[in-house]
Amino acid sequence: MGLFERKITVNTAINIVRTSENAYLIDCREKTEYAAGHVSGAVNWTIDKMTPDRVTRRFPDKTSIIYVIGNYMQKPGAVVKKFKKLGYKNAKDGGYMEEHHGRLVK
């Protein structure tokens, strides 16, 4: 995040993804946490799944907008850094699920 960039909330990230084309919401929490309740449309993608080959197959367009949401244990910033290292310049921290207000699906 840049010096003057403001951190967004998970609800803001969800709204941006739902109203944008070529945008993804990545939930980087563990599979069991994701299964217990997640945002509709979010893709569960933990950092251990992030090999260059798997990422480019799943997200071929490196100009895609990618918001990564997590929790206080699985921080989205680490996943964002990995996406950026692979050339995804529009990968952003989407906040923490503990701050989410809204419906979840199982």
Protein backbone atom coordinates (compact mmCIF):
# COMPACT_ATOMS: atom_id res chain seq x y z
CA MET A 1 0.00 0.00 0.00
CA GLY A 2 1.28 3.44 -0.84
CA LEU A 3 1.93 6.12 1.72
CA PHE A 4 -1.43 7.87 1.24
CA GLU A 5 -3.58 4.90 0.19
CA ARG A 6 -6.44 4.25 2.54
CA LYS A 7 -7.12 0.66 3.61
CA ILE A 8 -10.51 -0.50 2.39
CA THR A 9 -12.94 -2.73 4.24
CA VAL A 10 -14.00 -6.16 3.12
CA ASN A 11 -17.50 -4.85 2.35
CA THR A 12 -16.05 -2.16 0.06
CA ALA A 13 -13.95 -4.79 -1.75
CA ILE A 14 -17.04 -6.98 -2.23
CA ASN A 15 -19.00 -4.05 -3.72
CA ILE A 16 -16.15 -3.12 -6.08
CA VAL A 17 -15.82 -6.69 -7.37
CA ARG A 18 -19.57 -7.10 -7.84
CA THR A 19 -19.83 -3.88 -9.86
CA SER A 20 -16.67 -4.26 -11.96
CA GLU A 21 -15.82 -6.34 -14.98
CA ASN A 22 -12.79 -8.59 -14.90
CA ALA A 23 -12.63 -8.53 -11.10
CA TYR A 24 -12.18 -11.35 -8.60
CA LEU A 25 -12.64 -11.76 -4.88
CA ILE A 26 -10.10 -14.18 -3.40
CA ASP A 27 -10.64 -15.60 0.09
CA CYS A 28 -7.22 -16.66 1.39
CA ARG A 29 -8.49 -18.31 4.59
CA GLU A 30 -8.04 -22.02 5.26
CA LYS A 31 -10.45 -24.39 3.54
CA THR A 32 -12.30 -25.21 6.81
CA GLU A 33 -12.89 -21.53 7.58
CA TYR A 34 -14.08 -20.89 4.03
CA ALA A 35 -16.45 -23.88 4.25
CA ALA A 36 -17.89 -22.58 7.54
CA GLY A 37 -19.02 -19.37 5.81
CA HIS A 38 -17.78 -17.20 2.96
CA VAL A 39 -18.87 -14.36 0.72
CA SER A 40 -20.90 -15.53 -2.27
CA GLY A 41 -18.71 -15.60 -5.37
CA ALA A 42 -15.40 -15.59 -3.50
CA VAL A 43 -12.76 -18.04 -4.69
CA ASN A 44 -10.91 -19.91 -1.94
CA TRP A 45 -7.22 -19.59 -2.75
CA THR A 46 -4.71 -20.13 0.04
CA ILE A 47 -1.10 -19.06 -0.28
CA ASP A 48 0.10 -22.67 -0.46
CA LYS A 49 -1.90 -23.12 -3.73
CA MET A 50 -0.08 -20.25 -5.40
CA THR A 51 2.33 -21.76 -7.87
CA PRO A 52 2.99 -19.62 -10.95
CA ASP A 53 1.41 -22.25 -13.22
CA ARG A 54 -1.79 -22.60 -11.16
CA VAL A 55 -2.23 -18.85 -10.84
CA THR A 56 -1.83 -18.12 -14.56
CA ARG A 57 -4.18 -20.98 -15.47
CA ARG A 58 -6.89 -19.73 -13.07
CA PHE A 59 -6.32 -16.00 -13.74
CA PRO A 60 -4.86 -15.68 -17.26
CA ASP A 61 -5.48 -11.92 -17.56
CA LYS A 62 -2.84 -10.15 -15.50
CA THR A 63 -4.79 -6.89 -15.76
CA SER A 64 -7.66 -8.37 -13.71
CA ILE A 65 -8.67 -6.59 -10.54
CA ILE A 66 -8.04 -8.96 -7.65
CA TYR A 67 -9.13 -8.23 -4.10
CA VAL A 68 -7.82 -10.64 -1.50
CA ILE A 69 -9.76 -11.02 1.73
CA GLY A 70 -8.57 -12.98 4.73
CA ASN A 71 -8.62 -12.88 8.48
CA TYR A 72 -6.31 -11.88 11.29
CA MET A 73 -4.43 -15.21 10.97
CA GLN A 74 -4.30 -15.59 7.15
CA LYS A 75 -3.43 -12.05 6.23
CA PRO A 76 -4.34 -11.00 2.69
CA GLY A 77 -1.19 -8.89 2.31
CA ALA A 78 1.06 -11.93 1.85
CA VAL A 79 -1.16 -13.27 -0.94
CA VAL A 80 -1.31 -9.82 -2.59
CA LYS A 81 2.52 -9.66 -2.58
CA LYS A 82 2.69 -13.06 -4.25
CA PHE A 83 0.17 -12.02 -6.94
CA LYS A 84 2.16 -8.82 -7.58
CA LYS A 85 5.40 -10.80 -7.81
CA LEU A 86 3.72 -12.87 -10.55
CA GLY A 87 2.81 -9.70 -12.48
CA TYR A 88 -0.74 -8.95 -11.27
CA LYS A 89 -0.43 -5.21 -10.68
CA ASN A 90 -4.12 -4.79 -9.74
CA ALA A 91 -4.00 -7.17 -6.77
CA LYS A 92 -5.15 -5.41 -3.60
CA ASP A 93 -5.75 -6.11 0.07
CA GLY A 94 -9.50 -6.43 0.54
CA GLY A 95 -9.62 -6.53 4.34
CA TYR A 96 -10.53 -9.04 7.01
CA MET A 97 -13.59 -11.26 7.33
CA GLU A 98 -13.83 -10.38 11.02
CA GLU A 99 -14.91 -6.92 9.84
CA HIS A 100 -17.51 -8.23 7.37
CA HIS A 101 -21.13 -7.24 7.82
CA GLY A 102 -23.46 -9.25 5.68
CA ARG A 103 -24.68 -12.64 4.62
CA LEU A 104 -22.36 -15.60 4.20
CA VAL A 105 -22.89 -18.85 2.29
CA LYS A 106 -21.72 -22.34 3.19
